[in-house]
Amino acid sequence: MASPTPLHGTELIDCANANAKEGIQAAANLCGYSGDIVTFERELQTAAHQMGIQLHGFQDLKKKAEVSTQPQGEIVAPDSATEL
């Protein structure tokens, strides 16, 4: 659900991060910036700076989202309920 007003601070970072896979246009809309990409990115960088997070732009969030969806490690499980 899109925010009726532009988000700022932690809420903006959380919203942008949660919607990074959808792309910058969708994330801007859902975070309350209704397609104003320039303001969205500026506010995102301001919020990140205030929180002490190094963020060069929305692309950093998108890359992080893509990496986190890849499976990590290997699943180890018994072959059956009776065999280990």
PDB file of N, CA and C in Angstrom:
ATOM      1  N   MET A   1       0.842  -1.170   0.000  1.00  0.00           N
ATOM      2  CA  MET A   1       0.000   0.000   0.000  1.00  0.00           C
ATOM      3  C   MET A   1       0.896   1.244   0.000  1.00  0.00           C
ATOM      4  N   ALA A   2       0.601   2.167  -0.864  1.00  0.00           N
ATOM      5  CA  ALA A   2       1.397   3.388  -0.986  1.00  0.00           C
ATOM      6  C   ALA A   2       1.120   4.341   0.173  1.00  0.00           C
ATOM      7  N   SER A   3       2.172   4.996   0.601  1.00  0.00           N
ATOM      8  CA  SER A   3       2.035   5.984   1.665  1.00  0.00           C
ATOM      9  C   SER A   3       1.334   7.227   1.106  1.00  0.00           C
ATOM     10  N   PRO A   4       0.382   7.795   1.844  1.00  0.00           N
ATOM     11  CA  PRO A   4      -0.310   8.992   1.358  1.00  0.00           C
ATOM     12  C   PRO A   4       0.578  10.247   1.392  1.00  0.00           C
ATOM     13  N   THR A   5       1.607  10.237   2.219  1.00  0.00           N
ATOM     14  CA  THR A   5       2.544  11.358   2.290  1.00  0.00           C
ATOM     15  C   THR A   5       3.967  10.816   2.160  1.00  0.00           C
ATOM     16  N   PRO A   6       4.898  11.625   1.674  1.00  0.00           N
ATOM     17  CA  PRO A   6       6.273  11.153   1.536  1.00  0.00           C
ATOM     18  C   PRO A   6       6.880  10.737   2.879  1.00  0.00           C
ATOM     19  N   LEU A   7       7.515   9.582   2.866  1.00  0.00           N
ATOM     20  CA  LEU A   7       8.168   9.080   4.068  1.00  0.00           C
ATOM     21  C   LEU A   7       9.546   9.709   4.214  1.00  0.00           C
ATOM     22  N   HIS A   8      10.057   9.710   5.430  1.00  0.00           N
ATOM     23  CA  HIS A   8      11.377  10.263   5.727  1.00  0.00           C
ATOM     24  C   HIS A   8      12.056   9.366   6.749  1.00  0.00           C
ATOM     25  N   GLY A   9      13.366   9.525   6.890  1.00  0.00           N
ATOM     26  CA  GLY A   9      14.128   8.822   7.921  1.00  0.00           C
ATOM     27  C   GLY A   9      14.077   7.318   7.796  1.00  0.00           C
ATOM     28  N   THR A  10      13.957   6.659   8.937  1.00  0.00           N
ATOM     29  CA  THR A  10      13.955   5.205   9.002  1.00  0.00           C
ATOM     30  C   THR A  10      12.822   4.602   8.190  1.00  0.00           C
ATOM     31  N   GLU A  11      11.660   5.231   8.231  1.00  0.00           N
ATOM     32  CA  GLU A  11      10.517   4.704   7.483  1.00  0.00           C
ATOM     33  C   GLU A  11      10.796   4.697   5.982  1.00  0.00           C
ATOM     34  N   LEU A  12      11.455   5.736   5.490  1.00  0.00           N
ATOM     35  CA  LEU A  12      11.797   5.806   4.069  1.00  0.00           C
ATOM     36  C   LEU A  12      12.800   4.709   3.705  1.00  0.00           C
ATOM     37  N   ILE A  13      13.836   4.538   4.518  1.00  0.00           N
ATOM     38  CA  ILE A  13      14.837   3.505   4.258  1.00  0.00           C
ATOM     39  C   ILE A  13      14.170   2.132   4.239  1.00  0.00           C
ATOM     40  N   ASP A  14      13.325   1.855   5.218  1.00  0.00           N
ATOM     41  CA  ASP A  14      12.643   0.563   5.301  1.00  0.00           C
ATOM     42  C   ASP A  14      11.748   0.324   4.087  1.00  0.00           C
ATOM     43  N   CYS A  15      10.985   1.333   3.702  1.00  0.00           N
ATOM     44  CA  CYS A  15      10.077   1.219   2.560  1.00  0.00           C
ATOM     45  C   CYS A  15      10.858   1.005   1.265  1.00  0.00           C
ATOM     46  N   ALA A  16      11.887   1.805   1.057  1.00  0.00           N
ATOM     47  CA  ALA A  16      12.697   1.694  -0.165  1.00  0.00           C
ATOM     48  C   ALA A  16      13.383   0.331  -0.231  1.00  0.00           C
ATOM     49  N   ASN A  17      13.895  -0.119   0.893  1.00  0.00           N
ATOM     50  CA  ASN A  17      14.563  -1.415   0.952  1.00  0.00           C
ATOM     51  C   ASN A  17      13.585  -2.553   0.662  1.00  0.00           C
ATOM     52  N   ALA A  18      12.402  -2.480   1.226  1.00  0.00           N
ATOM     53  CA  ALA A  18      11.396  -3.521   1.032  1.00  0.00           C
ATOM     54  C   ALA A  18      10.907  -3.583  -0.415  1.00  0.00           C
ATOM     55  N   ASN A  19      10.971  -2.474  -1.129  1.00  0.00           N
ATOM     56  CA  ASN A  19      10.453  -2.420  -2.491  1.00  0.00           C
ATOM     57  C   ASN A  19      11.541  -2.291  -3.549  1.00  0.00           C
ATOM     58  N   ALA A  20      12.781  -2.537  -3.172  1.00  0.00           N
ATOM     59  CA  ALA A  20      13.912  -2.360  -4.087  1.00  0.00           C
ATOM     60  C   ALA A  20      13.803  -3.258  -5.319  1.00  0.00           C
ATOM     61  N   LYS A  21      13.316  -4.483  -5.137  1.00  0.00           N
ATOM     62  CA  LYS A  21      13.206  -5.415  -6.265  1.00  0.00           C
ATOM     63  C   LYS A  21      12.248  -4.909  -7.340  1.00  0.00           C
ATOM     64  N   GLU A  22      11.275  -4.107  -6.939  1.00  0.00           N
ATOM     65  CA  GLU A  22      10.258  -3.622  -7.873  1.00  0.00           C
ATOM     66  C   GLU A  22      10.764  -2.504  -8.771  1.00  0.00           C
ATOM     67  N   GLY A  23      11.890  -1.905  -8.415  1.00  0.00           N
ATOM     68  CA  GLY A  23      12.454  -0.820  -9.211  1.00  0.00           C
ATOM     69  C   GLY A  23      12.214   0.525  -8.563  1.00  0.00           C
ATOM     70  N   ILE A  24      12.944   1.518  -9.040  1.00  0.00           N
ATOM     71  CA  ILE A  24      12.919   2.839  -8.417  1.00  0.00           C
ATOM     72  C   ILE A  24      11.569   3.538  -8.560  1.00  0.00           C
ATOM     73  N   GLN A  25      10.912   3.392  -9.704  1.00  0.00           N
ATOM     74  CA  GLN A  25       9.616   4.044  -9.926  1.00  0.00           C
ATOM     75  C   GLN A  25       8.577   3.517  -8.936  1.00  0.00           C
ATOM     76  N   ALA A  26       8.504   2.198  -8.812  1.00  0.00           N
ATOM     77  CA  ALA A  26       7.541   1.594  -7.884  1.00  0.00           C
ATOM     78  C   ALA A  26       7.868   1.954  -6.447  1.00  0.00           C
ATOM     79  N   ALA A  27       9.153   1.912  -6.084  1.00  0.00           N
ATOM     80  CA  ALA A  27       9.548   2.243  -4.720  1.00  0.00           C
ATOM     81  C   ALA A  27       9.209   3.697  -4.390  1.00  0.00           C
ATOM     82  N   ALA A  28       9.471   4.600  -5.328  1.00  0.00           N
ATOM     83  CA  ALA A  28       9.140   6.017  -5.106  1.00  0.00           C
ATOM     84  C   ALA A  28       7.646   6.187  -4.889  1.00  0.00           C
ATOM     85  N   ASN A  29       6.845   5.527  -5.694  1.00  0.00           N
ATOM     86  CA  ASN A  29       5.383   5.616  -5.539  1.00  0.00           C
ATOM     87  C   ASN A  29       4.931   5.071  -4.189  1.00  0.00           C
ATOM     88  N   LEU A  30       5.443   3.901  -3.824  1.00  0.00           N
ATOM     89  CA  LEU A  30       5.021   3.269  -2.577  1.00  0.00           C
ATOM     90  C   LEU A  30       5.509   4.018  -1.340  1.00  0.00           C
ATOM     91  N   CYS A  31       6.603   4.760  -1.475  1.00  0.00           N
ATOM     92  CA  CYS A  31       7.140   5.533  -0.349  1.00  0.00           C
ATOM     93  C   CYS A  31       6.545   6.940  -0.284  1.00  0.00           C
ATOM     94  N   GLY A  32       5.575   7.222  -1.152  1.00  0.00           N
ATOM     95  CA  GLY A  32       4.849   8.491  -1.081  1.00  0.00           C
ATOM     96  C   GLY A  32       5.372   9.601  -1.969  1.00  0.00           C
ATOM     97  N   TYR A  33       6.260   9.294  -2.897  1.00  0.00           N
ATOM     98  CA  TYR A  33       6.844  10.341  -3.741  1.00  0.00           C
ATOM     99  C   TYR A  33       6.214  10.399  -5.132  1.00  0.00           C
ATOM    100  N   SER A  34       5.176   9.631  -5.359  1.00  0.00           N
ATOM    101  CA  SER A  34       4.388   9.594  -6.597  1.00  0.00           C
ATOM    102  C   SER A  34       5.178   9.926  -7.871  1.00  0.00           C
ATOM    103  N   GLY A  35       6.241   9.196  -8.078  1.00  0.00           N
ATOM    104  CA  GLY A  35       7.002   9.337  -9.312  1.00  0.00           C
ATOM    105  C   GLY A  35       8.058  10.421  -9.321  1.00  0.00           C
ATOM    106  N   ASP A  36       8.208  11.183  -8.248  1.00  0.00           N
ATOM    107  CA  ASP A  36       9.246  12.223  -8.190  1.00  0.00           C
ATOM    108  C   ASP A  36      10.559  11.554  -7.779  1.00  0.00           C
ATOM    109  N   ILE A  37      11.218  10.965  -8.761  1.00  0.00           N
ATOM    110  CA  ILE A  37      12.416  10.166  -8.525  1.00  0.00           C
ATOM    111  C   ILE A  37      13.556  11.007  -7.940  1.00  0.00           C
ATOM    112  N   VAL A  38      13.717  12.220  -8.426  1.00  0.00           N
ATOM    113  CA  VAL A  38      14.816  13.084  -7.966  1.00  0.00           C
ATOM    114  C   VAL A  38      14.680  13.358  -6.470  1.00  0.00           C
ATOM    115  N   THR A  39      13.499  13.755  -6.041  1.00  0.00           N
ATOM    116  CA  THR A  39      13.271  14.039  -4.616  1.00  0.00           C
ATOM    117  C   THR A  39      13.376  12.759  -3.793  1.00  0.00           C
ATOM    118  N   PHE A  40      12.850  11.674  -4.326  1.00  0.00           N
ATOM    119  CA  PHE A  40      12.916  10.386  -3.639  1.00  0.00           C
ATOM    120  C   PHE A  40      14.368  10.003  -3.355  1.00  0.00           C
ATOM    121  N   GLU A  41      15.221  10.058  -4.374  1.00  0.00           N
ATOM    122  CA  GLU A  41      16.627   9.687  -4.172  1.00  0.00           C
ATOM    123  C   GLU A  41      17.338  10.658  -3.242  1.00  0.00           C
ATOM    124  N   ARG A  42      17.037  11.941  -3.344  1.00  0.00           N
ATOM    125  CA  ARG A  42      17.675  12.927  -2.464  1.00  0.00           C
ATOM    126  C   ARG A  42      17.295  12.658  -1.012  1.00  0.00           C
ATOM    127  N   GLU A  43      16.017  12.425  -0.766  1.00  0.00           N
ATOM    128  CA  GLU A  43      15.551  12.152   0.598  1.00  0.00           C
ATOM    129  C   GLU A  43      16.082  10.813   1.110  1.00  0.00           C
ATOM    130  N   LEU A  44      16.224   9.852   0.222  1.00  0.00           N
ATOM    131  CA  LEU A  44      16.774   8.560   0.595  1.00  0.00           C
ATOM    132  C   LEU A  44      18.231   8.710   1.041  1.00  0.00           C
ATOM    133  N   GLN A  45      19.000   9.483   0.296  1.00  0.00           N
ATOM    134  CA  GLN A  45      20.399   9.713   0.669  1.00  0.00           C
ATOM    135  C   GLN A  45      20.506  10.517   1.961  1.00  0.00           C
ATOM    136  N   THR A  46      19.635  11.496   2.148  1.00  0.00           N
ATOM    137  CA  THR A  46      19.623  12.281   3.382  1.00  0.00           C
ATOM    138  C   THR A  46      19.318  11.384   4.578  1.00  0.00           C
ATOM    139  N   ALA A  47      18.311  10.534   4.439  1.00  0.00           N
ATOM    140  CA  ALA A  47      17.935   9.627   5.532  1.00  0.00           C
ATOM    141  C   ALA A  47      19.081   8.667   5.854  1.00  0.00           C
ATOM    142  N   ALA A  48      19.720   8.141   4.816  1.00  0.00           N
ATOM    143  CA  ALA A  48      20.834   7.217   5.027  1.00  0.00           C
ATOM    144  C   ALA A  48      21.988   7.926   5.733  1.00  0.00           C
ATOM    145  N   HIS A  49      22.290   9.139   5.314  1.00  0.00           N
ATOM    146  CA  HIS A  49      23.373   9.907   5.933  1.00  0.00           C
ATOM    147  C   HIS A  49      23.078  10.160   7.412  1.00  0.00           C
ATOM    148  N   GLN A  50      21.847  10.536   7.736  1.00  0.00           N
ATOM    149  CA  GLN A  50      21.463  10.804   9.120  1.00  0.00           C
ATOM    150  C   GLN A  50      21.555   9.553   9.986  1.00  0.00           C
ATOM    151  N   MET A  51      21.357   8.388   9.364  1.00  0.00           N
ATOM    152  CA  MET A  51      21.419   7.128  10.105  1.00  0.00           C
ATOM    153  C   MET A  51      22.823   6.542  10.116  1.00  0.00           C
ATOM    154  N   GLY A  52      23.758   7.164   9.407  1.00  0.00           N
ATOM    155  CA  GLY A  52      25.122   6.667   9.356  1.00  0.00           C
ATOM    156  C   GLY A  52      25.303   5.505   8.399  1.00  0.00           C
ATOM    157  N   ILE A  53      24.413   5.405   7.418  1.00  0.00           N
ATOM    158  CA  ILE A  53      24.477   4.336   6.426  1.00  0.00           C
ATOM    159  C   ILE A  53      25.096   4.897   5.156  1.00  0.00           C
ATOM    160  N   GLN A  54      26.050   4.173   4.598  1.00  0.00           N
ATOM    161  CA  GLN A  54      26.656   4.607   3.344  1.00  0.00           C
ATOM    162  C   GLN A  54      25.778   4.111   2.197  1.00  0.00           C
ATOM    163  N   LEU A  55      25.154   5.045   1.503  1.00  0.00           N
ATOM    164  CA  LEU A  55      24.240   4.727   0.413  1.00  0.00           C
ATOM    165  C   LEU A  55      24.477   5.727  -0.702  1.00  0.00           C
ATOM    166  N   HIS A  56      24.904   5.240  -1.846  1.00  0.00           N
ATOM    167  CA  HIS A  56      25.204   6.132  -2.963  1.00  0.00           C
ATOM    168  C   HIS A  56      23.984   6.387  -3.833  1.00  0.00           C
ATOM    169  N   GLY A  57      22.949   5.621  -3.655  1.00  0.00           N
ATOM    170  CA  GLY A  57      21.728   5.793  -4.430  1.00  0.00           C
ATOM    171  C   GLY A  57      20.857   4.561  -4.310  1.00  0.00           C
ATOM    172  N   PHE A  58      19.720   4.635  -4.958  1.00  0.00           N
ATOM    173  CA  PHE A  58      18.760   3.532  -4.913  1.00  0.00           C
ATOM    174  C   PHE A  58      19.372   2.238  -5.435  1.00  0.00           C
ATOM    175  N   GLN A  59      20.263   2.328  -6.395  1.00  0.00           N
ATOM    176  CA  GLN A  59      20.878   1.132  -6.975  1.00  0.00           C
ATOM    177  C   GLN A  59      21.579   0.284  -5.913  1.00  0.00           C
ATOM    178  N   ASP A  60      22.113   0.913  -4.862  1.00  0.00           N
ATOM    179  CA  ASP A  60      22.742   0.158  -3.776  1.00  0.00           C
ATOM    180  C   ASP A  60      21.723  -0.744  -3.087  1.00  0.00           C
ATOM    181  N   LEU A  61      20.511  -0.242  -2.882  1.00  0.00           N
ATOM    182  CA  LEU A  61      19.461  -1.049  -2.256  1.00  0.00           C
ATOM    183  C   LEU A  61      19.040  -2.179  -3.180  1.00  0.00           C
ATOM    184  N   LYS A  62      18.934  -1.874  -4.461  1.00  0.00           N
ATOM    185  CA  LYS A  62      18.513  -2.883  -5.422  1.00  0.00           C
ATOM    186  C   LYS A  62      19.534  -4.016  -5.499  1.00  0.00           C
ATOM    187  N   LYS A  63      20.817  -3.678  -5.508  1.00  0.00           N
ATOM    188  CA  LYS A  63      21.868  -4.701  -5.536  1.00  0.00           C
ATOM    189  C   LYS A  63      21.805  -5.567  -4.282  1.00  0.00           C
ATOM    190  N   LYS A  64      21.585  -4.929  -3.138  1.00  0.00           N
ATOM    191  CA  LYS A  64      21.497  -5.659  -1.869  1.00  0.00           C
ATOM    192  C   LYS A  64      20.309  -6.618  -1.889  1.00  0.00           C
ATOM    193  N   ALA A  65      19.184  -6.173  -2.449  1.00  0.00           N
ATOM    194  CA  ALA A  65      17.993  -7.017  -2.521  1.00  0.00           C
ATOM    195  C   ALA A  65      18.222  -8.211  -3.433  1.00  0.00           C
ATOM    196  N   GLU A  66      18.931  -8.005  -4.532  1.00  0.00           N
ATOM    197  CA  GLU A  66      19.204  -9.101  -5.457  1.00  0.00           C
ATOM    198  C   GLU A  66      20.131 -10.132  -4.833  1.00  0.00           C
ATOM    199  N   VAL A  67      21.124  -9.686  -4.095  1.00  0.00           N
ATOM    200  CA  VAL A  67      22.066 -10.592  -3.451  1.00  0.00           C
ATOM    201  C   VAL A  67      21.375 -11.393  -2.354  1.00  0.00           C
ATOM    202  N   SER A  68      20.504 -10.753  -1.583  1.00  0.00           N
ATOM    203  CA  SER A  68      19.882 -11.433  -0.450  1.00  0.00           C
ATOM    204  C   SER A  68      18.860 -12.482  -0.867  1.00  0.00           C
ATOM    205  N   THR A  69      18.410 -12.480  -2.119  1.00  0.00           N
ATOM    206  CA  THR A  69      17.445 -13.483  -2.560  1.00  0.00           C
ATOM    207  C   THR A  69      18.114 -14.754  -3.049  1.00  0.00           C
ATOM    208  N   GLN A  70      19.421 -14.731  -3.230  1.00  0.00           N
ATOM    209  CA  GLN A  70      20.129 -15.921  -3.661  1.00  0.00           C
ATOM    210  C   GLN A  70      20.307 -16.855  -2.471  1.00  0.00           C
ATOM    211  N   PRO A  71      20.104 -18.152  -2.696  1.00  0.00           N
ATOM    212  CA  PRO A  71      20.257 -19.092  -1.583  1.00  0.00           C
ATOM    213  C   PRO A  71      21.679 -19.088  -1.046  1.00  0.00           C
ATOM    214  N   GLN A  72      21.786 -19.190   0.241  1.00  0.00           N
ATOM    215  CA  GLN A  72      23.086 -19.189   0.908  1.00  0.00           C
ATOM    216  C   GLN A  72      23.345 -20.589   1.452  1.00  0.00           C
ATOM    217  N   GLY A  73      24.517 -21.133   1.182  1.00  0.00           N
ATOM    218  CA  GLY A  73      24.896 -22.417   1.745  1.00  0.00           C
ATOM    219  C   GLY A  73      24.180 -23.585   1.101  1.00  0.00           C
ATOM    220  N   GLU A  74      24.208 -24.690   1.814  1.00  0.00           N
ATOM    221  CA  GLU A  74      23.629 -25.924   1.305  1.00  0.00           C
ATOM    222  C   GLU A  74      22.675 -26.486   2.354  1.00  0.00           C
ATOM    223  N   ILE A  75      21.564 -27.043   1.908  1.00  0.00           N
ATOM    224  CA  ILE A  75      20.605 -27.651   2.823  1.00  0.00           C
ATOM    225  C   ILE A  75      21.075 -29.058   3.158  1.00  0.00           C
ATOM    226  N   VAL A  76      21.170 -29.327   4.445  1.00  0.00           N
ATOM    227  CA  VAL A  76      21.579 -30.645   4.911  1.00  0.00           C
ATOM    228  C   VAL A  76      20.389 -31.260   5.635  1.00  0.00           C
ATOM    229  N   ALA A  77      19.953 -32.403   5.127  1.00  0.00           N
ATOM    230  CA  ALA A  77      18.794 -33.066   5.729  1.00  0.00           C
ATOM    231  C   ALA A  77      18.932 -34.564   5.517  1.00  0.00           C
ATOM    232  N   PRO A  78      18.271 -35.359   6.344  1.00  0.00           N
ATOM    233  CA  PRO A  78      18.314 -36.808   6.152  1.00  0.00           C
ATOM    234  C   PRO A  78      17.642 -37.195   4.842  1.00  0.00           C
ATOM    235  N   ASP A  79      18.055 -38.346   4.273  1.00  0.00           N
ATOM    236  CA  ASP A  79      17.456 -38.822   3.026  1.00  0.00           C
ATOM    237  C   ASP A  79      16.005 -39.233   3.228  1.00  0.00           C
ATOM    238  N   SER A  80      15.714 -39.732   4.402  1.00  0.00           N
ATOM    239  CA  SER A  80      14.327 -40.123   4.710  1.00  0.00           C
ATOM    240  C   SER A  80      14.128 -39.983   6.229  1.00  0.00           C
ATOM    241  N   ALA A  81      12.931 -40.270   6.673  1.00  0.00           N
ATOM    242  CA  ALA A  81      12.644 -40.155   8.113  1.00  0.00           C
ATOM    243  C   ALA A  81      13.412 -41.181   8.923  1.00  0.00           C
ATOM    244  N   THR A  82      13.825 -42.303   8.303  1.00  0.00           N
ATOM    245  CA  THR A  82      14.528 -43.335   9.043  1.00  0.00           C
ATOM    246  C   THR A  82      16.013 -43.416   8.729  1.00  0.00           C
ATOM    247  N   GLU A  83      16.480 -42.750   7.671  1.00  0.00           N
ATOM    248  CA  GLU A  83      17.894 -42.789   7.290  1.00  0.00           C
ATOM    249  C   GLU A  83      18.529 -41.420   7.484  1.00  0.00           C
ATOM    250  N   LEU A  84      19.739 -41.439   8.036  1.00  0.00           N
ATOM    251  CA  LEU A  84      20.479 -40.200   8.178  1.00  0.00           C
ATOM    252  C   LEU A  84      21.490 -40.045   7.089  1.00  0.00           C
TER     253      LEU A  84
END
